[in-house]
């Protein structure tokens, strides 16, 4: 039967077109959020100072340790609900959502309560915070525990929007909340003359607004959402899929945050601040492509459920090639403007101590960006146990190397060991995808030109960096050369068939362009 919630506009577009449309929405929203970060973060850094900003970064990292209590229900709900939606079973879809929500809220509430009670011990023994920062650190951590509960609620109740690849309203809410948090923190600090506690309250208030808006949008996307409830039949498949993700999440937390705690232990919270700023900027390279392909996983599930395996392979290949063509030059341009930008944006000390870690982080972020594609396939195919195995097997070696290298080389060492670990994970993801019959080469049809173009581009930028040092002149050069690189890719890297396919995708995503050209 046809799902009562189907949108006629959805049925007239291919899955690839809907994924691309969702990606454009996510890209625009993430771009707005990143602009807010670039504008507001310097004020936050200066209002808090290195020590308090370092404490805020540590608290944000500590929060990720508790997010694993959702047991992977956000992704599991999307996977199973998408399969029910593809079969036209709206009530089955709703019961998946409510069952996943019951599991994740129950486990997270217990964890949040425990962390709140143990906050004094966590702040002193784990975060190594002493003196005047101790009291605010304890209060802010307890507020973060409440924030955790709100976040897992949002991460599951948004399932009806993700299932239908309706990224418009989803993006407006999620990225709107992100902008509100980023901009609201320095405003709150200035108005209240506050510290990390004020920042925590602002973040929680914005998240509560987002939770209400997400619930309303999901109910609008799926009118049957409140006509069903949790069902026991979904507990086992949800836990089977999400449990492996939870194990991977447990492993991923030290893999993504341990170097910060080693920095705090061997150096200082100021060193953590320099590294955190470099990492925050470095994630721009991965977060933008992540936003572009965020709809890829539910799109692949749709194609798998409907037996469209050739279309699935084509969508996978296009996503991988597109990310390489955009992320490689973007990484080089970010490295080109890194030192003068950090000096102006965060302060001379951050330009001096953060540029090295930033450039090293960019290498890892480039591989991380490409790794999103095989990772999305493995999630869509239900290969969560393999993802867990990869992450778990990396924990021991990573902790040892992170401790040794961070103690010796500080922030640069932390960046190096983090990037090396990401590269290894990405190569393993590609290996698993290749065994499933999917390609692992991100190069376009003209392989030599596709591989050589970023190498030549990087050499040109390196030569210019030796002669031009100021931010304004490097920004101008980056804009000019970025445009030139795009023209080179279009005319000499992409094949005629690839250009035609890209043009057709643009017309499908932005049909108003064709109407405008006719007029």
Protein backbone atom coordinates (compact mmCIF):
# COMPACT_ATOMS: atom_id res chain seq x y z
CA UNK A 1 0.00 0.00 0.00
CA UNK A 2 1.08 3.61 -0.51
CA UNK A 3 2.23 5.40 2.57
CA UNK A 4 -0.22 8.11 3.54
CA UNK A 5 2.61 10.49 4.22
CA UNK A 6 4.22 10.29 0.79
CA UNK A 7 4.80 13.60 -0.88
CA UNK A 8 3.90 13.68 -4.62
CA UNK A 9 6.98 15.80 -5.23
CA UNK A 10 9.11 13.04 -3.72
CA UNK A 11 7.74 10.47 -6.15
CA UNK A 12 8.65 12.57 -9.20
CA UNK A 13 12.35 12.73 -8.30
CA UNK A 14 14.98 10.02 -8.24
CA UNK A 15 16.55 8.94 -5.00
CA UNK A 16 19.81 10.45 -6.23
CA UNK A 17 18.07 13.76 -6.84
CA UNK A 18 16.48 13.74 -3.40
CA UNK A 19 19.83 12.90 -1.80
CA UNK A 20 21.44 15.77 -3.73
CA UNK A 21 18.66 18.17 -2.72
CA UNK A 22 19.01 17.15 0.91
CA UNK A 23 22.75 17.56 0.64
CA UNK A 24 22.37 21.10 -0.69
CA UNK A 25 20.05 21.98 2.19
CA UNK A 26 22.49 20.49 4.68
CA UNK A 27 25.40 22.27 3.00
CA UNK A 28 23.67 25.63 3.21
CA UNK A 29 22.71 25.10 6.83
CA UNK A 30 26.15 23.93 7.82
CA UNK A 31 27.68 26.84 5.95
CA UNK A 32 25.55 29.26 7.97
CA UNK A 33 26.60 27.53 11.18
CA UNK A 34 30.27 27.68 10.23
CA UNK A 35 29.99 31.39 9.48
CA UNK A 36 28.50 31.86 12.92
CA UNK A 37 31.43 29.93 14.42
CA UNK A 38 33.96 32.05 12.56
CA UNK A 39 32.27 35.27 13.68
CA UNK A 40 31.40 34.39 17.27
CA UNK A 41 34.26 32.15 18.42
CA UNK A 42 36.89 34.91 18.61
CA UNK A 43 34.63 36.78 21.03
CA UNK A 44 34.14 33.61 23.09
CA UNK A 45 37.89 32.97 23.16
CA UNK A 46 38.66 36.48 24.34
CA UNK A 47 35.81 36.65 26.86
CA UNK A 48 36.80 33.34 28.47
CA UNK A 49 40.59 33.45 28.05
CA UNK A 50 42.77 30.41 27.25
CA UNK A 51 42.25 28.57 30.55
CA UNK A 52 38.47 28.87 30.72
CA UNK A 53 38.12 28.26 26.97
CA UNK A 54 40.26 25.15 27.40
CA UNK A 55 37.93 24.03 30.20
CA UNK A 56 34.92 24.56 27.92
CA UNK A 57 36.62 22.44 25.23
CA UNK A 58 37.29 19.70 27.78
CA UNK A 59 33.67 19.71 28.94
CA UNK A 60 32.49 19.42 25.35
CA UNK A 61 34.82 16.47 24.89
CA UNK A 62 33.63 14.89 28.14
CA UNK A 63 30.05 15.16 26.88
CA UNK A 64 30.90 12.88 23.96
CA UNK A 65 31.84 10.15 26.42
CA UNK A 66 28.22 9.99 27.55
CA UNK A 67 26.59 10.17 24.12
CA UNK A 68 27.25 6.43 23.69
CA UNK A 69 24.39 5.78 26.10
CA UNK A 70 21.95 6.26 23.21
CA UNK A 71 22.98 2.70 22.15
CA UNK A 72 23.07 3.78 18.51
CA UNK A 73 19.31 4.26 18.44
CA UNK A 74 19.41 7.40 16.27
CA UNK A 75 21.02 5.59 13.34
CA UNK A 76 19.24 2.30 14.04
CA UNK A 77 15.89 4.07 14.01
CA UNK A 78 16.68 5.69 10.66
CA UNK A 79 17.78 2.36 9.13
CA UNK A 80 14.78 0.28 10.24
CA UNK A 81 12.19 3.05 9.84
CA UNK A 82 13.39 3.69 6.28
CA UNK A 83 12.80 0.03 5.45
CA UNK A 84 9.27 0.24 6.89
CA UNK A 85 8.61 3.45 4.98
CA UNK A 86 9.81 1.84 1.73
CA UNK A 87 7.21 -0.90 2.30
CA UNK A 88 4.47 1.69 2.93
CA UNK A 89 3.95 0.74 6.61
CA UNK A 90 3.56 4.05 8.41
CA UNK A 91 2.50 2.49 11.70
CA UNK A 92 5.48 0.16 11.65
CA UNK A 93 7.70 3.15 11.01
CA UNK A 94 6.21 5.02 13.97
CA UNK A 95 6.60 2.06 16.31
CA UNK A 96 10.28 1.84 15.35
CA UNK A 97 10.76 5.48 16.33
CA UNK A 98 9.00 5.21 19.68
CA UNK A 99 10.73 1.95 20.60
CA UNK A 100 14.13 3.46 19.82
CA UNK A 101 13.24 6.59 21.78
CA UNK A 102 12.18 4.58 24.83
CA UNK A 103 15.48 2.69 24.80
CA UNK A 104 17.71 5.72 24.33
CA UNK A 105 15.95 8.02 26.81
CA UNK A 106 15.95 5.33 29.49
CA UNK A 107 19.65 4.50 29.22
CA UNK A 108 20.76 8.10 28.78
CA UNK A 109 18.76 9.34 31.77
CA UNK A 110 20.54 6.80 33.99
CA UNK A 111 23.95 7.78 32.63
CA UNK A 112 23.25 11.50 32.94
CA UNK A 113 22.16 11.11 36.54
CA UNK A 114 25.29 9.12 37.37
CA UNK A 115 27.57 11.65 35.70
CA UNK A 116 25.86 14.49 37.52
CA UNK A 117 26.42 12.85 40.87
CA UNK A 118 30.05 12.04 40.05
CA UNK A 119 30.76 15.49 38.55
CA UNK A 120 33.27 16.56 41.27
CA UNK A 121 35.34 13.43 40.72
CA UNK A 122 35.16 13.73 36.92
CA UNK A 123 36.28 17.36 36.98
CA UNK A 124 39.25 16.78 39.27
CA UNK A 125 40.48 13.29 38.34
CA UNK A 126 39.57 13.05 34.65
CA UNK A 127 39.69 16.65 33.47
CA UNK A 128 42.48 17.66 35.90
CA UNK A 129 40.76 20.95 36.75
CA UNK A 130 41.77 22.63 39.98
CA UNK A 131 41.62 26.00 41.71
CA UNK A 132 39.11 28.65 40.70
CA UNK A 133 37.90 26.62 37.71
CA UNK A 134 36.79 23.67 39.84
CA UNK A 135 33.40 25.01 41.02
CA UNK A 136 32.25 26.34 37.63
CA UNK A 137 33.48 23.13 36.01
CA UNK A 138 31.27 20.97 38.25
CA UNK A 139 28.16 23.09 37.64
CA UNK A 140 28.76 23.26 33.89
CA UNK A 141 29.24 19.50 33.68
CA UNK A 142 25.90 18.91 35.41
CA UNK A 143 24.18 21.24 32.95
CA UNK A 144 25.88 19.29 30.16
CA UNK A 145 24.28 16.11 31.53
CA UNK A 146 20.83 17.63 30.99
CA UNK A 147 21.94 18.74 27.54
CA UNK A 148 22.89 15.15 26.74
CA UNK A 149 19.36 13.95 27.39
CA UNK A 150 17.92 16.61 25.08
CA UNK A 151 20.40 15.73 22.34
CA UNK A 152 19.54 12.03 22.26
CA UNK A 153 15.84 12.90 22.16
CA UNK A 154 16.41 15.09 19.10
CA UNK A 155 18.65 12.45 17.50
CA UNK A 156 15.84 9.88 17.48
CA UNK A 157 12.62 11.85 17.13
CA UNK A 158 13.93 13.41 13.91
CA UNK A 159 13.70 10.01 12.17
CA UNK A 160 10.52 10.72 10.11
CA UNK A 161 12.26 13.69 8.49
CA UNK A 162 15.41 11.71 7.66
CA UNK A 163 13.45 8.75 6.33
CA UNK A 164 11.70 10.98 3.78
CA UNK A 165 14.91 12.84 2.92
CA UNK A 166 13.17 16.08 3.89
CA UNK A 167 16.24 18.06 4.79
CA UNK A 168 14.69 21.52 4.52
CA UNK A 169 12.92 21.82 7.85
CA UNK A 170 15.41 19.47 9.50
CA UNK A 171 18.29 21.74 8.49
CA UNK A 172 16.54 24.93 9.53
CA UNK A 173 15.98 23.55 13.02
CA UNK A 174 19.27 21.76 13.66
CA UNK A 175 21.53 24.41 12.18
CA UNK A 176 19.35 27.20 13.57
CA UNK A 177 19.90 25.80 17.04
CA UNK A 178 23.61 25.49 16.35
CA UNK A 179 23.81 29.14 15.29
CA UNK A 180 21.80 30.18 18.34
CA UNK A 181 24.21 28.32 20.62
CA UNK A 182 27.37 29.66 19.00
CA UNK A 183 26.17 33.26 18.83
CA UNK A 184 24.36 33.14 22.15
CA UNK A 185 27.42 32.11 24.16
CA UNK A 186 29.48 35.30 23.67
CA UNK A 187 26.34 37.43 24.06
CA UNK A 188 25.53 35.68 27.33
CA UNK A 189 29.12 36.01 28.51
CA UNK A 190 29.16 39.72 27.77
CA UNK A 191 25.75 40.48 29.28
CA UNK A 192 26.11 38.35 32.41
CA UNK A 193 29.88 38.73 32.81
CA UNK A 194 29.80 34.96 33.08
CA UNK A 195 32.05 32.01 32.39
CA UNK A 196 31.67 28.36 31.45
CA UNK A 197 28.43 28.03 33.46
CA UNK A 198 26.80 30.79 31.42
CA UNK A 199 27.97 29.10 28.21
CA UNK A 200 26.45 25.81 29.37
CA UNK A 201 23.07 27.39 30.19
CA UNK A 202 22.90 29.08 26.78
CA UNK A 203 23.66 25.80 25.03
CA UNK A 204 20.96 23.94 26.98
CA UNK A 205 18.30 26.59 26.35
CA UNK A 206 18.93 26.52 22.59
CA UNK A 207 18.79 22.71 22.57
CA UNK A 208 15.38 22.72 24.31
CA UNK A 209 14.02 25.02 21.63
CA UNK A 210 15.40 22.65 19.00
CA UNK A 211 13.80 19.62 20.66
CA UNK A 212 10.33 21.17 20.53
CA UNK A 213 10.74 22.27 16.92
CA UNK A 214 12.02 18.83 15.88
CA UNK A 215 9.05 17.09 17.47
CA UNK A 216 6.60 19.35 15.65
CA UNK A 217 8.31 18.86 12.30
CA UNK A 218 8.43 15.08 12.69
CA UNK A 219 4.72 14.99 13.54
CA UNK A 220 4.04 17.03 10.41
CA UNK A 221 6.16 14.71 8.25
CA UNK A 222 4.55 11.60 9.73
CA UNK A 223 0.90 12.22 10.78
CA UNK A 224 0.75 8.67 12.14
CA UNK A 225 3.59 9.33 14.56
CA UNK A 226 1.30 9.56 17.59
CA UNK A 227 -0.94 6.67 16.50
CA UNK A 228 1.54 4.04 17.54
CA UNK A 229 3.90 3.38 20.40
CA UNK A 230 6.83 1.18 21.41
CA UNK A 231 6.55 -2.45 20.38
CA UNK A 232 8.54 -5.35 21.77
CA UNK A 233 9.18 -6.84 18.32
CA UNK A 234 11.52 -3.98 17.48
CA UNK A 235 13.71 -4.20 20.58
CA UNK A 236 15.94 -7.02 19.34
CA UNK A 237 16.63 -5.69 15.80
CA UNK A 238 17.21 -2.19 17.14
CA UNK A 239 19.65 -3.41 19.77
CA UNK A 240 21.36 -5.75 17.29
CA UNK A 241 22.02 -2.87 14.90
CA UNK A 242 22.51 -0.09 17.43
CA UNK A 243 24.37 -2.21 19.97
CA UNK A 244 27.29 -2.62 17.62
CA UNK A 245 27.24 1.12 16.98
CA UNK A 246 27.28 1.67 20.71
CA UNK A 247 30.38 -0.49 21.02
CA UNK A 248 31.92 1.49 18.17
CA UNK A 249 30.89 4.65 19.97
CA UNK A 250 32.64 3.54 23.15
CA UNK A 251 35.81 2.96 21.16
CA UNK A 252 35.43 6.13 19.10
CA UNK A 253 35.33 8.39 22.14
CA UNK A 254 38.92 7.82 23.28
CA UNK A 255 39.90 7.69 19.61
CA UNK A 256 38.57 11.22 19.12
CA UNK A 257 39.23 12.88 22.48
CA UNK A 258 42.06 11.10 24.34
CA UNK A 259 44.75 13.33 22.86
CA UNK A 260 43.10 16.37 24.49
CA UNK A 261 43.25 14.79 27.93
CA UNK A 262 46.87 13.80 27.38
CA UNK A 263 47.58 17.42 26.42
CA UNK A 264 45.92 18.62 29.61
CA UNK A 265 47.93 16.09 31.64
CA UNK A 266 51.34 16.65 30.05
CA UNK A 267 51.04 20.35 29.18
CA UNK A 268 48.19 22.70 30.22
CA UNK A 269 44.61 23.74 29.48
CA UNK A 270 46.10 26.54 27.38
CA UNK A 271 47.69 23.90 25.13
CA UNK A 272 44.29 22.25 24.89
CA UNK A 273 42.84 25.60 23.81
CA UNK A 274 45.38 25.98 20.99
CA UNK A 275 44.72 22.43 19.84
CA UNK A 276 40.93 22.79 20.19
CA UNK A 277 40.89 25.91 18.03
CA UNK A 278 42.99 24.15 15.38
CA UNK A 279 40.69 21.13 15.49
CA UNK A 280 37.56 23.28 15.34
CA UNK A 281 38.79 24.97 12.17
CA UNK A 282 40.08 21.71 10.74
CA UNK A 283 36.69 20.06 11.08
CA UNK A 284 35.34 22.60 8.59
CA UNK A 285 36.88 20.46 5.87
CA UNK A 286 35.01 17.35 7.01
CA UNK A 287 31.78 18.88 8.30
CA UNK A 288 30.85 20.54 5.03
CA UNK A 289 31.15 17.32 2.96
CA UNK A 290 29.47 15.44 5.80
CA UNK A 291 26.54 17.79 5.45
CA UNK A 292 26.50 17.26 1.68
CA UNK A 293 26.26 13.48 1.97
CA UNK A 294 24.29 13.24 5.23
CA UNK A 295 21.22 12.02 3.25
CA UNK A 296 23.36 9.34 1.57
CA UNK A 297 22.75 6.59 4.14
CA UNK A 298 18.92 6.68 4.04
CA UNK A 299 19.16 7.08 0.25
CA UNK A 300 21.24 3.91 -0.02
CA UNK A 301 18.78 2.08 2.24
CA UNK A 302 15.91 3.15 -0.07
CA UNK A 303 17.75 1.79 -3.12
CA UNK A 304 18.74 -1.44 -1.33
CA UNK A 305 15.18 -2.06 -0.12
CA UNK A 306 13.75 -1.52 -3.62
CA UNK A 307 16.37 -3.71 -5.33
CA UNK A 308 17.95 -0.87 -7.32
CA UNK A 309 21.52 -2.12 -6.92
CA UNK A 310 22.94 -0.47 -10.04
CA UNK A 311 21.53 2.89 -8.94
CA UNK A 312 23.03 2.32 -5.50
CA UNK A 313 26.47 1.72 -7.00
CA UNK A 314 26.17 4.80 -9.22
CA UNK A 315 25.13 7.00 -6.28
CA UNK A 316 28.06 5.71 -4.20
CA UNK A 317 30.56 6.41 -6.97
CA UNK A 318 29.26 9.91 -7.69
CA UNK A 319 29.40 10.85 -4.01
CA UNK A 320 32.99 9.61 -3.66
CA UNK A 321 34.25 11.35 -6.79
CA UNK A 322 32.48 14.58 -5.95
CA UNK A 323 34.00 14.73 -2.48
CA UNK A 324 37.52 14.20 -3.77
CA UNK A 325 37.18 16.90 -6.43
CA UNK A 326 36.04 19.44 -3.84
CA UNK A 327 37.79 18.43 -0.61
CA UNK A 328 41.35 18.10 -1.95
CA UNK A 329 41.61 21.72 -3.19
CA UNK A 330 39.67 22.94 -0.14
CA UNK A 331 42.27 21.37 2.18
CA UNK A 332 45.09 23.04 0.26
CA UNK A 333 43.37 26.45 0.36
CA UNK A 334 42.76 26.17 4.10
CA UNK A 335 46.42 25.33 4.68
CA UNK A 336 47.41 28.31 2.53
CA UNK A 337 45.54 30.86 4.68
CA UNK A 338 45.99 29.06 8.03
CA UNK A 339 48.70 31.06 9.80
CA UNK A 340 47.55 34.62 9.06
CA UNK A 341 43.90 33.68 9.59
CA UNK A 342 44.50 32.09 13.00
CA UNK A 343 46.57 35.09 14.09
CA UNK A 344 43.81 37.54 13.18
CA UNK A 345 40.84 35.38 14.11
CA UNK A 346 41.92 33.96 17.48
CA UNK A 347 45.03 35.98 18.34
CA UNK A 348 48.78 35.89 17.66
CA UNK A 349 49.36 33.10 20.20
CA UNK A 350 46.91 30.85 18.35
CA UNK A 351 48.60 31.67 15.04
CA UNK A 352 51.95 30.72 16.54
CA UNK A 353 50.92 27.56 18.38
CA UNK A 354 47.90 26.43 16.35
CA UNK A 355 49.05 26.57 12.71
CA UNK A 356 51.21 23.43 12.88
CA UNK A 357 48.47 21.26 14.45
CA UNK A 358 45.92 22.74 12.03
CA UNK A 359 47.85 21.75 8.90
CA UNK A 360 48.46 18.25 10.24
CA UNK A 361 44.78 17.90 11.14
CA UNK A 362 43.78 18.84 7.58
CA UNK A 363 45.43 15.67 6.25
CA UNK A 364 43.28 13.54 8.55
CA UNK A 365 40.16 15.56 7.78
CA UNK A 366 40.62 14.97 4.04
CA UNK A 367 40.65 11.20 4.53
CA UNK A 368 37.79 11.48 7.01
CA UNK A 369 35.72 13.31 4.37
CA UNK A 370 36.29 10.58 1.79
CA UNK A 371 35.63 7.91 4.40
CA UNK A 372 32.08 9.16 4.94
CA UNK A 373 31.06 7.45 1.69
CA UNK A 374 32.07 3.84 2.49
CA UNK A 375 30.99 4.41 6.08
CA UNK A 376 27.51 5.37 4.85
CA UNK A 377 27.37 2.23 2.73
CA UNK A 378 28.37 0.01 5.66
CA UNK A 379 25.66 1.60 7.81
CA UNK A 380 23.06 1.18 5.06
CA UNK A 381 24.06 -2.46 4.60
CA UNK A 382 23.78 -3.18 8.33
CA UNK A 383 27.52 -3.86 8.73
CA UNK A 384 27.67 -2.20 12.13
CA UNK A 385 29.58 -5.10 13.72
CA UNK A 386 32.42 -4.52 11.26
CA UNK A 387 32.51 -0.82 12.12
CA UNK A 388 32.67 -1.72 15.80
CA UNK A 389 35.49 -4.21 15.19
CA UNK A 390 37.56 -1.60 13.35
CA UNK A 391 37.19 0.99 16.09
CA UNK A 392 37.77 -1.40 18.98
CA UNK A 393 40.93 -2.81 17.39
CA UNK A 394 42.40 0.69 17.15
CA UNK A 395 41.88 1.80 20.76
CA UNK A 396 44.90 0.17 22.41
CA UNK A 397 47.51 1.21 19.83
CA UNK A 398 46.02 4.70 19.63
CA UNK A 399 46.12 5.34 23.37
CA UNK A 400 49.74 4.21 23.59
CA UNK A 401 50.85 6.29 20.62
CA UNK A 402 48.78 9.30 21.72
CA UNK A 403 50.38 9.28 25.17
CA UNK A 404 53.93 8.91 23.85
CA UNK A 405 53.70 11.35 20.95
CA UNK A 406 51.67 14.00 22.80
CA UNK A 407 54.09 13.95 25.72
CA UNK A 408 56.99 14.48 23.32
CA UNK A 409 55.58 16.90 20.73
CA UNK A 410 52.56 18.48 22.38
CA UNK A 411 49.75 19.77 20.19
CA UNK A 412 51.48 18.89 16.91
CA UNK A 413 51.98 15.35 18.15
CA UNK A 414 48.33 15.11 19.18
CA UNK A 415 47.29 16.24 15.70
CA UNK A 416 49.64 13.76 14.03
CA UNK A 417 48.45 10.73 15.95
CA UNK A 418 44.79 11.69 15.45
CA UNK A 419 45.26 12.09 11.68
CA UNK A 420 47.16 8.81 11.37
CA UNK A 421 44.36 6.95 13.11
CA UNK A 422 41.71 8.50 10.84
CA UNK A 423 43.68 7.53 7.73
CA UNK A 424 43.92 3.91 8.89
CA UNK A 425 40.16 3.76 9.60
CA UNK A 426 39.30 5.23 6.21
CA UNK A 427 41.46 2.70 4.37
CA UNK A 428 39.75 -0.14 6.25
CA UNK A 429 36.30 1.23 5.32
CA UNK A 430 37.28 1.33 1.67
CA UNK A 431 38.59 -2.22 1.88
CA UNK A 432 35.25 -3.45 3.24
CA UNK A 433 33.30 -1.57 0.54
CA UNK A 434 35.55 -3.00 -2.17
CA UNK A 435 34.84 -6.54 -1.01
CA UNK A 436 31.14 -5.74 -1.44
CA UNK A 437 31.73 -4.85 -5.10
CA UNK A 438 31.92 -1.07 -4.72
CA UNK A 439 34.79 1.04 -5.99
CA UNK A 440 37.40 2.59 -3.77
CA UNK A 441 38.99 5.06 -6.20
CA UNK A 442 37.83 8.68 -5.82
CA UNK A 443 39.31 9.65 -9.20
CA UNK A 444 37.12 10.66 -12.12
CA UNK A 445 37.19 9.07 -15.57
CA UNK A 446 40.34 10.96 -16.46
CA UNK A 447 42.38 9.42 -13.69
CA UNK A 448 45.74 11.04 -14.37
CA UNK A 449 44.28 14.55 -14.59
CA UNK A 450 42.17 13.92 -11.49
CA UNK A 451 45.22 12.86 -9.45
CA UNK A 452 47.65 15.44 -10.85
CA UNK A 453 45.46 18.55 -10.55
CA UNK A 454 45.53 18.83 -6.71
CA UNK A 455 49.29 18.12 -6.68
CA UNK A 456 49.99 20.96 -9.11
CA UNK A 457 47.56 23.20 -7.23
CA UNK A 458 49.35 22.51 -3.95
CA UNK A 459 52.75 23.29 -5.48
CA UNK A 460 51.48 26.65 -6.76
CA UNK A 461 50.07 27.56 -3.34
CA UNK A 462 53.33 26.60 -1.63
CA UNK A 463 55.33 28.90 -3.91
CA UNK A 464 52.92 31.77 -3.26
CA UNK A 465 53.07 31.19 0.50
CA UNK A 466 56.81 31.84 0.42
CA UNK A 467 56.31 35.38 -0.95
CA UNK A 468 52.91 36.48 0.43
CA UNK A 469 52.27 36.43 4.18
CA UNK A 470 49.34 38.74 4.99
CA UNK A 471 45.76 37.51 5.31
CA UNK A 472 44.20 39.94 2.76
CA UNK A 473 46.59 39.07 -0.04
CA UNK A 474 46.42 35.34 0.64
CA UNK A 475 42.62 35.51 0.71
CA UNK A 476 42.58 37.18 -2.70
CA UNK A 477 44.97 34.62 -4.13
CA UNK A 478 42.89 31.79 -2.62
CA UNK A 479 39.69 33.11 -4.22
CA UNK A 480 41.29 33.59 -7.66
CA UNK A 481 43.08 30.26 -7.70
CA UNK A 482 40.06 28.42 -6.31
CA UNK A 483 37.94 29.70 -9.20
CA UNK A 484 40.65 28.83 -11.70
CA UNK A 485 40.93 25.34 -10.26
CA UNK A 486 37.19 24.84 -10.66
CA UNK A 487 37.38 25.82 -14.34
CA UNK A 488 40.28 23.44 -14.89
CA UNK A 489 38.36 20.59 -13.27
CA UNK A 490 35.26 21.26 -15.37
CA UNK A 491 37.05 21.43 -18.72
CA UNK A 492 40.02 19.08 -18.36
CA UNK A 493 39.36 16.70 -15.44
CA UNK A 494 35.70 15.73 -15.85
CA UNK A 495 34.71 13.67 -18.88
CA UNK A 496 31.87 14.74 -21.17
CA UNK A 497 29.61 12.11 -19.60
CA UNK A 498 30.45 13.32 -16.09
CA UNK A 499 29.72 16.93 -17.03
CA UNK A 500 26.40 15.90 -18.55
CA UNK A 501 25.47 13.89 -15.47
CA UNK A 502 26.35 16.76 -13.17
CA UNK A 503 24.32 19.19 -15.28
CA UNK A 504 21.32 16.85 -15.20
CA UNK A 505 21.62 16.56 -11.42
CA UNK A 506 21.69 20.35 -11.05
CA UNK A 507 18.55 20.67 -13.18
CA UNK A 508 16.79 18.05 -11.04
CA UNK A 509 17.83 19.69 -7.79
CA UNK A 510 17.22 23.27 -9.00
CA UNK A 511 14.47 23.04 -11.65
CA UNK A 512 13.86 26.78 -11.42
CA UNK A 513 17.16 27.32 -13.26
CA UNK A 514 15.69 25.80 -16.41
CA UNK A 515 12.55 27.93 -16.15
CA UNK A 516 14.65 31.04 -15.60
CA UNK A 517 16.80 30.29 -18.65
CA UNK A 518 13.72 29.85 -20.84
CA UNK A 519 12.48 33.27 -19.83
